[in-house]
N, C-alpha and C. Protein backbone atom coordinates (compact mmCIF):
# COMPACT_ATOMS: atom_id res chain seq x y z
N MET A 1 8.40 -16.24 -15.14
CA MET A 1 8.81 -14.84 -15.13
C MET A 1 10.30 -14.78 -15.46
N GLU A 2 10.64 -14.00 -16.47
CA GLU A 2 12.05 -13.82 -16.81
C GLU A 2 12.57 -12.58 -16.13
N PHE A 3 13.83 -12.63 -15.75
CA PHE A 3 14.41 -11.51 -15.00
C PHE A 3 15.54 -10.88 -15.80
N VAL A 4 15.52 -9.56 -15.84
CA VAL A 4 16.53 -8.79 -16.55
C VAL A 4 17.30 -7.99 -15.52
N LYS A 5 18.62 -8.03 -15.64
CA LYS A 5 19.47 -7.28 -14.72
C LYS A 5 19.04 -5.80 -14.71
N GLY A 6 18.87 -5.27 -13.50
CA GLY A 6 18.49 -3.87 -13.35
C GLY A 6 16.99 -3.63 -13.20
N GLU A 7 16.17 -4.66 -13.51
CA GLU A 7 14.72 -4.44 -13.38
C GLU A 7 14.31 -4.50 -11.90
N ILE A 8 13.14 -3.96 -11.62
CA ILE A 8 12.62 -3.92 -10.26
C ILE A 8 11.60 -5.03 -10.08
N VAL A 9 11.73 -5.77 -8.98
CA VAL A 9 10.75 -6.78 -8.58
C VAL A 9 10.40 -6.52 -7.12
N ILE A 10 9.33 -7.15 -6.66
CA ILE A 10 8.90 -7.00 -5.27
C ILE A 10 9.13 -8.31 -4.53
N TYR A 11 9.83 -8.21 -3.41
CA TYR A 11 10.00 -9.33 -2.49
C TYR A 11 9.16 -8.95 -1.27
N PRO A 12 8.07 -9.68 -0.99
CA PRO A 12 7.10 -9.25 0.02
C PRO A 12 7.66 -8.77 1.35
N GLN A 13 8.63 -9.42 1.89
CA GLN A 13 9.15 -9.03 3.20
C GLN A 13 10.08 -7.82 3.17
N HIS A 14 10.58 -7.48 1.97
CA HIS A 14 11.58 -6.41 1.88
C HIS A 14 11.23 -5.30 0.90
N GLY A 15 10.09 -5.40 0.23
CA GLY A 15 9.69 -4.34 -0.69
C GLY A 15 10.37 -4.47 -2.04
N ALA A 16 10.56 -3.33 -2.68
CA ALA A 16 11.14 -3.32 -4.02
C ALA A 16 12.62 -3.68 -3.99
N CYS A 17 13.01 -4.46 -4.99
CA CYS A 17 14.41 -4.91 -5.12
C CYS A 17 14.84 -4.76 -6.57
N THR A 18 16.14 -4.57 -6.75
CA THR A 18 16.73 -4.52 -8.07
C THR A 18 17.34 -5.88 -8.38
N VAL A 19 17.07 -6.41 -9.56
CA VAL A 19 17.65 -7.69 -9.97
C VAL A 19 19.11 -7.45 -10.31
N LYS A 20 20.00 -8.20 -9.66
CA LYS A 20 21.43 -8.10 -9.92
C LYS A 20 21.91 -9.20 -10.85
N GLY A 21 21.12 -10.27 -10.96
CA GLY A 21 21.49 -11.35 -11.86
C GLY A 21 21.05 -12.70 -11.33
N ILE A 22 21.47 -13.75 -12.05
CA ILE A 22 21.20 -15.13 -11.63
C ILE A 22 22.54 -15.81 -11.52
N LYS A 23 22.73 -16.54 -10.42
CA LYS A 23 24.00 -17.21 -10.15
C LYS A 23 23.76 -18.66 -9.77
N LYS A 24 24.63 -19.53 -10.24
CA LYS A 24 24.60 -20.92 -9.81
C LYS A 24 25.56 -21.08 -8.66
N GLU A 25 25.06 -21.60 -7.55
CA GLU A 25 25.89 -21.79 -6.36
C GLU A 25 25.60 -23.15 -5.74
N ASP A 26 26.55 -23.61 -4.95
CA ASP A 26 26.40 -24.85 -4.19
C ASP A 26 26.45 -24.45 -2.70
N PRO A 27 25.33 -23.95 -2.15
CA PRO A 27 25.36 -23.39 -0.80
C PRO A 27 25.65 -24.41 0.29
N PHE A 28 25.29 -25.67 0.07
CA PHE A 28 25.48 -26.67 1.12
C PHE A 28 26.64 -27.61 0.82
N LYS A 29 27.43 -27.26 -0.19
CA LYS A 29 28.62 -28.04 -0.56
C LYS A 29 28.28 -29.52 -0.78
N THR A 30 27.18 -29.74 -1.53
CA THR A 30 26.73 -31.10 -1.81
C THR A 30 27.16 -31.56 -3.19
N GLY A 31 27.75 -30.65 -3.95
CA GLY A 31 28.13 -30.97 -5.32
C GLY A 31 27.00 -30.67 -6.30
N LYS A 32 25.86 -30.23 -5.78
CA LYS A 32 24.72 -29.90 -6.64
C LYS A 32 24.51 -28.39 -6.62
N LYS A 33 24.66 -27.77 -7.80
CA LYS A 33 24.48 -26.32 -7.89
C LYS A 33 23.01 -25.96 -8.07
N VAL A 34 22.64 -24.87 -7.44
CA VAL A 34 21.27 -24.36 -7.50
C VAL A 34 21.32 -22.95 -8.09
N GLU A 35 20.32 -22.61 -8.92
CA GLU A 35 20.26 -21.27 -9.47
C GLU A 35 19.55 -20.34 -8.50
N PHE A 36 20.20 -19.20 -8.23
CA PHE A 36 19.66 -18.20 -7.32
C PHE A 36 19.44 -16.89 -8.07
N LEU A 37 18.33 -16.24 -7.74
CA LEU A 37 18.09 -14.89 -8.23
C LEU A 37 18.72 -13.97 -7.19
N ILE A 38 19.63 -13.12 -7.63
CA ILE A 38 20.32 -12.20 -6.72
C ILE A 38 19.59 -10.86 -6.78
N LEU A 39 19.12 -10.42 -5.62
CA LEU A 39 18.36 -9.18 -5.52
C LEU A 39 19.02 -8.24 -4.53
N GLU A 40 18.90 -6.96 -4.78
CA GLU A 40 19.37 -5.96 -3.82
C GLU A 40 18.17 -5.10 -3.45
N THR A 41 17.87 -5.05 -2.15
CA THR A 41 16.72 -4.26 -1.71
C THR A 41 16.99 -2.78 -1.95
N ILE A 42 15.96 -2.07 -2.33
CA ILE A 42 16.09 -0.64 -2.58
C ILE A 42 16.14 0.13 -1.27
N ILE A 43 15.40 -0.34 -0.29
CA ILE A 43 15.28 0.38 0.98
C ILE A 43 16.60 0.45 1.74
N ASN A 44 17.19 -0.69 2.02
CA ASN A 44 18.41 -0.66 2.84
C ASN A 44 19.60 -1.38 2.20
N GLU A 45 19.53 -1.55 0.88
CA GLU A 45 20.62 -2.13 0.10
C GLU A 45 21.16 -3.44 0.67
N MET A 46 20.26 -4.32 1.03
CA MET A 46 20.62 -5.64 1.50
C MET A 46 20.57 -6.59 0.31
N THR A 47 21.49 -7.54 0.23
CA THR A 47 21.50 -8.50 -0.87
C THR A 47 20.76 -9.76 -0.45
N LEU A 48 19.87 -10.21 -1.33
CA LEU A 48 19.08 -11.42 -1.09
C LEU A 48 19.40 -12.43 -2.17
N ARG A 49 19.44 -13.70 -1.79
CA ARG A 49 19.61 -14.80 -2.74
C ARG A 49 18.40 -15.70 -2.62
N VAL A 50 17.62 -15.77 -3.69
CA VAL A 50 16.39 -16.56 -3.67
C VAL A 50 16.51 -17.67 -4.70
N PRO A 51 16.38 -18.93 -4.25
CA PRO A 51 16.42 -20.03 -5.23
C PRO A 51 15.31 -19.85 -6.26
N LEU A 52 15.64 -20.01 -7.52
CA LEU A 52 14.64 -19.83 -8.58
C LEU A 52 13.44 -20.74 -8.37
N THR A 53 13.67 -21.90 -7.78
CA THR A 53 12.57 -22.84 -7.55
C THR A 53 11.62 -22.35 -6.45
N ASN A 54 12.04 -21.37 -5.65
CA ASN A 54 11.21 -20.88 -4.53
C ASN A 54 10.58 -19.51 -4.78
N LEU A 55 10.75 -18.96 -5.95
CA LEU A 55 10.28 -17.60 -6.21
C LEU A 55 8.77 -17.46 -5.97
N LYS A 56 8.01 -18.40 -6.47
CA LYS A 56 6.55 -18.32 -6.31
C LYS A 56 6.17 -18.48 -4.84
N GLU A 57 6.84 -19.39 -4.18
CA GLU A 57 6.56 -19.66 -2.76
C GLU A 57 6.79 -18.44 -1.88
N VAL A 58 7.86 -17.69 -2.13
CA VAL A 58 8.15 -16.50 -1.31
C VAL A 58 7.42 -15.27 -1.83
N GLY A 59 6.83 -15.35 -3.03
CA GLY A 59 6.00 -14.27 -3.53
C GLY A 59 6.69 -13.20 -4.34
N VAL A 60 7.87 -13.49 -4.91
CA VAL A 60 8.55 -12.51 -5.75
C VAL A 60 7.65 -12.25 -6.97
N ARG A 61 7.41 -10.97 -7.25
CA ARG A 61 6.51 -10.59 -8.33
C ARG A 61 6.91 -9.24 -8.90
N PRO A 62 6.35 -8.89 -10.05
CA PRO A 62 6.63 -7.56 -10.60
C PRO A 62 5.90 -6.50 -9.76
N PRO A 63 6.38 -5.25 -9.77
CA PRO A 63 5.68 -4.20 -9.03
C PRO A 63 4.37 -3.84 -9.71
N VAL A 64 3.52 -3.13 -9.00
CA VAL A 64 2.26 -2.69 -9.61
C VAL A 64 2.58 -1.77 -10.77
N SER A 65 1.68 -1.78 -11.73
CA SER A 65 1.84 -0.89 -12.87
C SER A 65 1.25 0.47 -12.53
N HIS A 66 1.54 1.43 -13.37
CA HIS A 66 0.99 2.78 -13.18
C HIS A 66 -0.54 2.72 -13.18
N ASP A 67 -1.11 1.87 -14.05
CA ASP A 67 -2.56 1.74 -14.15
C ASP A 67 -3.18 1.14 -12.88
N GLU A 68 -2.47 0.25 -12.21
CA GLU A 68 -2.99 -0.39 -11.01
C GLU A 68 -2.99 0.53 -9.79
N LEU A 69 -2.31 1.66 -9.90
CA LEU A 69 -2.23 2.58 -8.76
C LEU A 69 -3.60 3.14 -8.39
N GLU A 70 -4.51 3.28 -9.35
CA GLU A 70 -5.86 3.76 -9.04
C GLU A 70 -6.55 2.81 -8.08
N ASP A 71 -6.40 1.51 -8.32
CA ASP A 71 -7.00 0.51 -7.43
C ASP A 71 -6.36 0.58 -6.05
N LEU A 72 -5.06 0.82 -6.03
CA LEU A 72 -4.34 0.93 -4.77
C LEU A 72 -4.84 2.13 -3.98
N VAL A 73 -5.03 3.25 -4.65
CA VAL A 73 -5.55 4.45 -3.99
C VAL A 73 -6.96 4.19 -3.46
N ALA A 74 -7.76 3.43 -4.20
CA ALA A 74 -9.12 3.11 -3.75
C ALA A 74 -9.08 2.33 -2.44
N VAL A 75 -8.14 1.40 -2.32
CA VAL A 75 -8.01 0.64 -1.07
C VAL A 75 -7.54 1.56 0.06
N LEU A 76 -6.55 2.39 -0.22
CA LEU A 76 -5.99 3.27 0.82
C LEU A 76 -6.98 4.32 1.29
N SER A 77 -7.85 4.76 0.40
CA SER A 77 -8.74 5.85 0.76
C SER A 77 -10.12 5.39 1.22
N LYS A 78 -10.32 4.07 1.26
CA LYS A 78 -11.61 3.55 1.70
C LYS A 78 -11.80 3.91 3.17
N ALA A 79 -12.85 4.67 3.44
CA ALA A 79 -13.12 5.07 4.82
C ALA A 79 -13.73 3.91 5.59
N ASP A 80 -13.65 3.99 6.90
CA ASP A 80 -14.27 3.05 7.82
C ASP A 80 -13.83 1.59 7.61
N PRO A 81 -12.53 1.32 7.75
CA PRO A 81 -12.09 -0.08 7.64
C PRO A 81 -12.56 -0.89 8.85
N ARG A 82 -12.93 -2.14 8.62
CA ARG A 82 -13.34 -3.02 9.73
C ARG A 82 -12.14 -3.86 10.13
N VAL A 83 -11.73 -3.68 11.36
CA VAL A 83 -10.54 -4.35 11.86
C VAL A 83 -10.88 -4.98 13.21
N PRO A 84 -10.36 -6.19 13.49
CA PRO A 84 -10.64 -6.78 14.80
C PRO A 84 -10.18 -5.86 15.93
N SER A 85 -10.99 -5.76 16.98
CA SER A 85 -10.62 -4.89 18.10
C SER A 85 -9.63 -5.57 19.04
N ASN A 86 -9.63 -6.90 19.04
CA ASN A 86 -8.69 -7.65 19.87
C ASN A 86 -7.29 -7.49 19.30
N TRP A 87 -6.34 -7.02 20.13
CA TRP A 87 -4.99 -6.71 19.66
C TRP A 87 -4.32 -7.91 19.00
N SER A 88 -4.32 -9.07 19.65
CA SER A 88 -3.58 -10.23 19.11
C SER A 88 -4.20 -10.71 17.80
N ARG A 89 -5.52 -10.69 17.71
CA ARG A 89 -6.18 -11.09 16.47
C ARG A 89 -5.87 -10.11 15.34
N ARG A 90 -5.91 -8.83 15.68
CA ARG A 90 -5.63 -7.78 14.69
C ARG A 90 -4.19 -7.89 14.19
N PHE A 91 -3.25 -8.08 15.13
CA PHE A 91 -1.83 -8.17 14.79
C PHE A 91 -1.58 -9.37 13.88
N LYS A 92 -2.16 -10.52 14.24
CA LYS A 92 -1.98 -11.74 13.44
C LYS A 92 -2.57 -11.55 12.04
N ASN A 93 -3.76 -10.93 11.98
CA ASN A 93 -4.42 -10.66 10.71
C ASN A 93 -3.53 -9.79 9.82
N HIS A 94 -2.94 -8.76 10.41
CA HIS A 94 -2.07 -7.87 9.64
C HIS A 94 -0.79 -8.58 9.21
N GLN A 95 -0.24 -9.41 10.09
CA GLN A 95 0.97 -10.17 9.72
C GLN A 95 0.71 -11.06 8.51
N GLU A 96 -0.42 -11.73 8.51
CA GLU A 96 -0.76 -12.62 7.39
C GLU A 96 -0.91 -11.83 6.09
N LYS A 97 -1.50 -10.66 6.18
CA LYS A 97 -1.65 -9.83 4.98
C LYS A 97 -0.30 -9.39 4.45
N LEU A 98 0.61 -9.02 5.35
CA LEU A 98 1.94 -8.60 4.91
C LEU A 98 2.71 -9.76 4.28
N LYS A 99 2.59 -10.95 4.86
CA LYS A 99 3.29 -12.12 4.33
C LYS A 99 2.76 -12.54 2.97
N SER A 100 1.50 -12.21 2.68
CA SER A 100 0.90 -12.62 1.41
C SER A 100 1.65 -12.03 0.22
N GLY A 101 2.24 -10.85 0.41
CA GLY A 101 2.94 -10.20 -0.68
C GLY A 101 2.02 -9.46 -1.62
N ASP A 102 0.72 -9.57 -1.43
CA ASP A 102 -0.25 -8.89 -2.28
C ASP A 102 -0.26 -7.40 -1.93
N VAL A 103 -0.02 -6.55 -2.91
CA VAL A 103 0.10 -5.12 -2.68
C VAL A 103 -1.17 -4.54 -2.08
N TYR A 104 -2.31 -5.07 -2.45
CA TYR A 104 -3.58 -4.54 -1.94
C TYR A 104 -3.76 -4.90 -0.46
N GLN A 105 -3.28 -6.07 -0.07
CA GLN A 105 -3.36 -6.45 1.34
C GLN A 105 -2.37 -5.63 2.18
N VAL A 106 -1.21 -5.33 1.61
CA VAL A 106 -0.25 -4.45 2.30
C VAL A 106 -0.88 -3.07 2.46
N ALA A 107 -1.58 -2.60 1.42
CA ALA A 107 -2.26 -1.31 1.49
C ALA A 107 -3.34 -1.31 2.57
N GLU A 108 -4.04 -2.44 2.72
CA GLU A 108 -5.05 -2.54 3.78
C GLU A 108 -4.41 -2.39 5.15
N VAL A 109 -3.25 -3.01 5.35
CA VAL A 109 -2.55 -2.91 6.63
C VAL A 109 -2.16 -1.46 6.89
N VAL A 110 -1.60 -0.80 5.88
CA VAL A 110 -1.21 0.60 6.04
C VAL A 110 -2.43 1.44 6.39
N ARG A 111 -3.52 1.25 5.65
CA ARG A 111 -4.75 2.00 5.88
C ARG A 111 -5.29 1.75 7.30
N ASN A 112 -5.37 0.48 7.69
CA ASN A 112 -5.93 0.13 9.00
C ASN A 112 -5.10 0.70 10.14
N LEU A 113 -3.79 0.58 10.02
CA LEU A 113 -2.92 1.07 11.10
C LEU A 113 -2.86 2.59 11.11
N ALA A 114 -2.98 3.21 9.95
CA ALA A 114 -3.02 4.67 9.90
C ALA A 114 -4.28 5.17 10.60
N ALA A 115 -5.41 4.50 10.34
CA ALA A 115 -6.67 4.89 10.99
C ALA A 115 -6.59 4.66 12.49
N ARG A 116 -6.01 3.56 12.89
CA ARG A 116 -5.88 3.25 14.32
C ARG A 116 -4.96 4.27 14.99
N ASN A 117 -3.89 4.63 14.31
CA ASN A 117 -2.94 5.61 14.85
C ASN A 117 -3.61 6.98 14.98
N ARG A 118 -4.56 7.26 14.10
CA ARG A 118 -5.30 8.52 14.16
C ARG A 118 -6.17 8.57 15.42
N ASP A 119 -6.79 7.44 15.75
CA ASP A 119 -7.75 7.39 16.86
C ASP A 119 -7.12 7.08 18.21
N ALA A 120 -6.04 6.32 18.22
CA ALA A 120 -5.36 5.94 19.46
C ALA A 120 -3.92 5.63 19.09
N SER A 121 -3.05 5.70 20.06
CA SER A 121 -1.65 5.43 19.73
C SER A 121 -1.45 3.93 19.51
N LEU A 122 -0.55 3.62 18.59
CA LEU A 122 -0.24 2.22 18.27
C LEU A 122 0.72 1.66 19.31
N SER A 123 0.62 0.35 19.52
CA SER A 123 1.60 -0.31 20.37
C SER A 123 2.94 -0.29 19.64
N ALA A 124 4.01 -0.58 20.34
CA ALA A 124 5.34 -0.58 19.72
C ALA A 124 5.40 -1.57 18.56
N ALA A 125 4.80 -2.74 18.73
CA ALA A 125 4.83 -3.76 17.68
C ALA A 125 4.02 -3.30 16.46
N GLU A 126 2.86 -2.69 16.71
CA GLU A 126 2.06 -2.21 15.59
C GLU A 126 2.72 -1.02 14.90
N ARG A 127 3.39 -0.17 15.66
CA ARG A 127 4.10 0.97 15.06
C ARG A 127 5.20 0.47 14.13
N THR A 128 5.96 -0.54 14.58
CA THR A 128 7.01 -1.13 13.75
C THR A 128 6.41 -1.73 12.48
N MET A 129 5.29 -2.44 12.64
CA MET A 129 4.61 -3.06 11.50
C MET A 129 4.13 -1.98 10.53
N TYR A 130 3.57 -0.91 11.07
CA TYR A 130 3.06 0.20 10.26
C TYR A 130 4.19 0.84 9.46
N GLU A 131 5.30 1.12 10.11
CA GLU A 131 6.43 1.75 9.42
C GLU A 131 6.98 0.84 8.33
N ARG A 132 7.08 -0.45 8.62
CA ARG A 132 7.60 -1.42 7.65
C ARG A 132 6.66 -1.53 6.45
N ALA A 133 5.35 -1.60 6.71
CA ALA A 133 4.37 -1.71 5.64
C ALA A 133 4.38 -0.44 4.78
N ARG A 134 4.46 0.72 5.42
CA ARG A 134 4.52 2.01 4.68
C ARG A 134 5.75 2.05 3.79
N THR A 135 6.89 1.67 4.36
CA THR A 135 8.15 1.69 3.61
C THR A 135 8.07 0.77 2.40
N ASN A 136 7.51 -0.45 2.59
CA ASN A 136 7.39 -1.38 1.47
C ASN A 136 6.44 -0.84 0.41
N LEU A 137 5.35 -0.23 0.83
CA LEU A 137 4.39 0.32 -0.11
C LEU A 137 5.00 1.49 -0.89
N ILE A 138 5.73 2.34 -0.19
CA ILE A 138 6.40 3.48 -0.85
C ILE A 138 7.41 2.95 -1.88
N SER A 139 8.13 1.89 -1.50
CA SER A 139 9.13 1.34 -2.43
C SER A 139 8.47 0.75 -3.67
N GLU A 140 7.20 0.40 -3.56
CA GLU A 140 6.48 -0.14 -4.72
C GLU A 140 5.85 0.98 -5.56
N ILE A 141 5.38 2.03 -4.91
CA ILE A 141 4.79 3.16 -5.62
C ILE A 141 5.85 3.90 -6.43
N GLN A 142 7.04 4.00 -5.85
CA GLN A 142 8.13 4.76 -6.47
C GLN A 142 8.43 4.33 -7.91
N PRO A 143 8.68 3.03 -8.18
CA PRO A 143 8.97 2.68 -9.58
C PRO A 143 7.74 2.76 -10.49
N ALA A 144 6.55 2.57 -9.91
CA ALA A 144 5.33 2.66 -10.74
C ALA A 144 5.13 4.07 -11.26
N LEU A 145 5.44 5.05 -10.43
CA LEU A 145 5.29 6.45 -10.83
C LEU A 145 6.57 7.05 -11.42
N LYS A 146 7.68 6.31 -11.23
CA LYS A 146 9.00 6.81 -11.67
C LYS A 146 9.31 8.16 -11.01
N VAL A 147 9.21 8.15 -9.67
CA VAL A 147 9.43 9.36 -8.87
C VAL A 147 10.42 9.06 -7.75
N THR A 148 10.77 10.09 -6.99
CA THR A 148 11.65 9.92 -5.84
C THR A 148 10.89 9.27 -4.69
N LYS A 149 11.64 8.82 -3.71
CA LYS A 149 11.04 8.21 -2.52
C LYS A 149 10.12 9.22 -1.82
N GLU A 150 10.56 10.46 -1.74
CA GLU A 150 9.77 11.50 -1.07
C GLU A 150 8.46 11.75 -1.81
N GLU A 151 8.51 11.77 -3.14
CA GLU A 151 7.29 11.98 -3.92
C GLU A 151 6.34 10.79 -3.79
N ALA A 152 6.89 9.58 -3.72
CA ALA A 152 6.06 8.39 -3.52
C ALA A 152 5.40 8.42 -2.15
N GLU A 153 6.13 8.89 -1.14
CA GLU A 153 5.57 9.00 0.21
C GLU A 153 4.44 10.04 0.23
N GLU A 154 4.63 11.13 -0.47
CA GLU A 154 3.59 12.17 -0.55
C GLU A 154 2.34 11.61 -1.26
N TYR A 155 2.55 10.80 -2.28
CA TYR A 155 1.46 10.16 -3.01
C TYR A 155 0.66 9.26 -2.04
N LEU A 156 1.38 8.49 -1.23
CA LEU A 156 0.74 7.61 -0.24
C LEU A 156 -0.05 8.44 0.77
N ASN A 157 0.55 9.50 1.29
CA ASN A 157 -0.13 10.34 2.27
C ASN A 157 -1.40 10.96 1.71
N LYS A 158 -1.35 11.41 0.45
CA LYS A 158 -2.53 12.00 -0.17
C LYS A 158 -3.63 10.96 -0.36
N ALA A 159 -3.25 9.74 -0.70
CA ALA A 159 -4.25 8.67 -0.84
C ALA A 159 -4.93 8.39 0.49
N LEU A 160 -4.14 8.37 1.57
CA LEU A 160 -4.71 8.14 2.91
C LEU A 160 -5.60 9.31 3.33
N GLU A 161 -5.24 10.51 2.93
CA GLU A 161 -6.03 11.69 3.29
C GLU A 161 -7.39 11.72 2.59
N LYS A 162 -7.52 10.96 1.51
CA LYS A 162 -8.81 10.91 0.82
C LYS A 162 -9.84 10.13 1.63
N GLY A 163 -9.38 9.31 2.56
CA GLY A 163 -10.31 8.48 3.32
C GLY A 163 -10.05 8.53 4.80
N VAL A 164 -9.23 7.60 5.26
CA VAL A 164 -9.06 7.42 6.71
C VAL A 164 -8.34 8.56 7.41
N LEU A 165 -7.59 9.34 6.69
CA LEU A 165 -6.86 10.44 7.34
C LEU A 165 -7.34 11.80 6.85
N LYS A 166 -8.64 11.88 6.58
CA LYS A 166 -9.18 13.17 6.12
C LYS A 166 -8.81 14.23 7.13
N PRO A 167 -8.28 15.34 6.64
CA PRO A 167 -7.96 16.41 7.57
C PRO A 167 -9.24 16.90 8.26
N ALA A 168 -9.11 17.20 9.53
CA ALA A 168 -10.27 17.68 10.28
C ALA A 168 -10.75 18.98 9.67
N LYS A 169 -12.05 19.10 9.58
CA LYS A 169 -12.60 20.33 9.03
C LYS A 169 -12.39 21.44 10.04
N VAL A 170 -11.90 22.52 9.57
CA VAL A 170 -11.67 23.67 10.44
C VAL A 170 -12.96 24.45 10.53
N VAL A 171 -13.44 24.56 11.73
CA VAL A 171 -14.67 25.31 11.94
C VAL A 171 -14.27 26.73 12.26
N LYS A 172 -14.68 27.62 11.37
CA LYS A 172 -14.33 29.01 11.59
C LYS A 172 -15.31 29.60 12.60
N LYS A 173 -14.75 30.15 13.61
CA LYS A 173 -15.57 30.75 14.64
C LYS A 173 -15.97 32.14 14.17
N LYS A 174 -17.25 32.35 14.17
CA LYS A 174 -17.72 33.66 13.73
C LYS A 174 -17.31 34.70 14.76
N ALA A 175 -16.81 35.79 14.25
CA ALA A 175 -16.44 36.88 15.16
C ALA A 175 -17.71 37.39 15.82
N ASP A 176 -17.59 37.59 17.10
CA ASP A 176 -18.77 38.08 17.82
C ASP A 176 -19.13 39.45 17.28
N ALA A 177 -20.29 39.51 16.70
CA ALA A 177 -20.77 40.79 16.17
C ALA A 177 -21.20 41.65 17.35
N PRO A 178 -20.97 42.93 17.24
CA PRO A 178 -21.40 43.78 18.34
C PRO A 178 -22.91 43.64 18.52
N LYS A 179 -23.29 43.49 19.76
CA LYS A 179 -24.71 43.30 20.05
C LYS A 179 -25.44 44.61 19.84
N LYS A 180 -26.51 44.45 19.15
CA LYS A 180 -27.32 45.63 18.88
C LYS A 180 -28.20 45.87 20.09
N VAL A 181 -28.08 47.03 20.62
CA VAL A 181 -28.86 47.37 21.79
C VAL A 181 -30.13 48.05 21.32
N GLU A 182 -31.19 47.42 21.66
CA GLU A 182 -32.47 48.01 21.29
C GLU A 182 -32.99 48.78 22.49
N GLU A 183 -33.45 49.95 22.23
CA GLU A 183 -34.01 50.74 23.32
C GLU A 183 -35.48 50.44 23.41
N ASP A 184 -35.87 50.16 24.59
CA ASP A 184 -37.28 49.90 24.83
C ASP A 184 -37.89 51.18 25.36
N SER A 185 -38.68 51.80 24.56
CA SER A 185 -39.24 53.09 24.96
C SER A 185 -40.13 52.97 26.18
N ASP A 186 -40.73 51.81 26.39
CA ASP A 186 -41.61 51.63 27.54
C ASP A 186 -40.82 51.42 28.82
N ALA A 187 -39.58 51.00 28.71
CA ALA A 187 -38.80 50.66 29.89
C ALA A 187 -38.46 51.90 30.69
N ASP A 188 -38.32 53.02 30.03
CA ASP A 188 -37.92 54.22 30.72
C ASP A 188 -39.13 55.01 31.28
N LEU A 189 -40.28 54.56 30.95
CA LEU A 189 -41.46 55.28 31.44
C LEU A 189 -41.70 54.98 32.90
N GLY A 190 -41.83 55.92 33.62
CA GLY A 190 -42.08 55.71 35.04
C GLY A 190 -43.41 56.35 35.44
N ASP A 191 -43.76 56.17 36.68
CA ASP A 191 -45.00 56.79 37.16
C ASP A 191 -44.62 58.14 37.71
N ASP A 192 -44.62 59.13 36.86
CA ASP A 192 -44.29 60.46 37.30
C ASP A 192 -45.54 61.23 37.73
N GLU A 193 -46.59 60.63 37.73
CA GLU A 193 -47.80 61.36 38.03
C GLU A 193 -48.03 61.47 39.45
């Protein structure tokens, strides 16, 4: 993968990043210079230095294309996700998916935690994981659609609303119609004889 200054790449743990360049450095003062890819995260403007030899290992990749967003929406909107009920197993499963760097697995985490948050409140650790996964996903949707962060977030919310976060159907209560009083002609008849 060749890198061009200013292009967007995805670093799994930090979301979308802007390529700032490639630099040769001797970080351990051994006399041997190593080439580093210099990245700046879009979310919180943190600078990352990734050795070029480790790019595949850490999962640096191009962002999803506009065409791949349909598949992403399909994952996000899939109703009835199957998730382990045991908290520690579920948390570990989600951590592994996030570390994979695969956008579809990150989408699964967002979908699963959104559904869980809908049905019960998330633990503090799961809430942090959910917010981080959402932020990373938004940072990836944004360059694919070439939109603002807010518009990318709205896109994500709408995808979730297609499945796991379907708005509750509003049941319109029928206005009580005035009861029709029927007169029973036999009811008023008495024994007047």
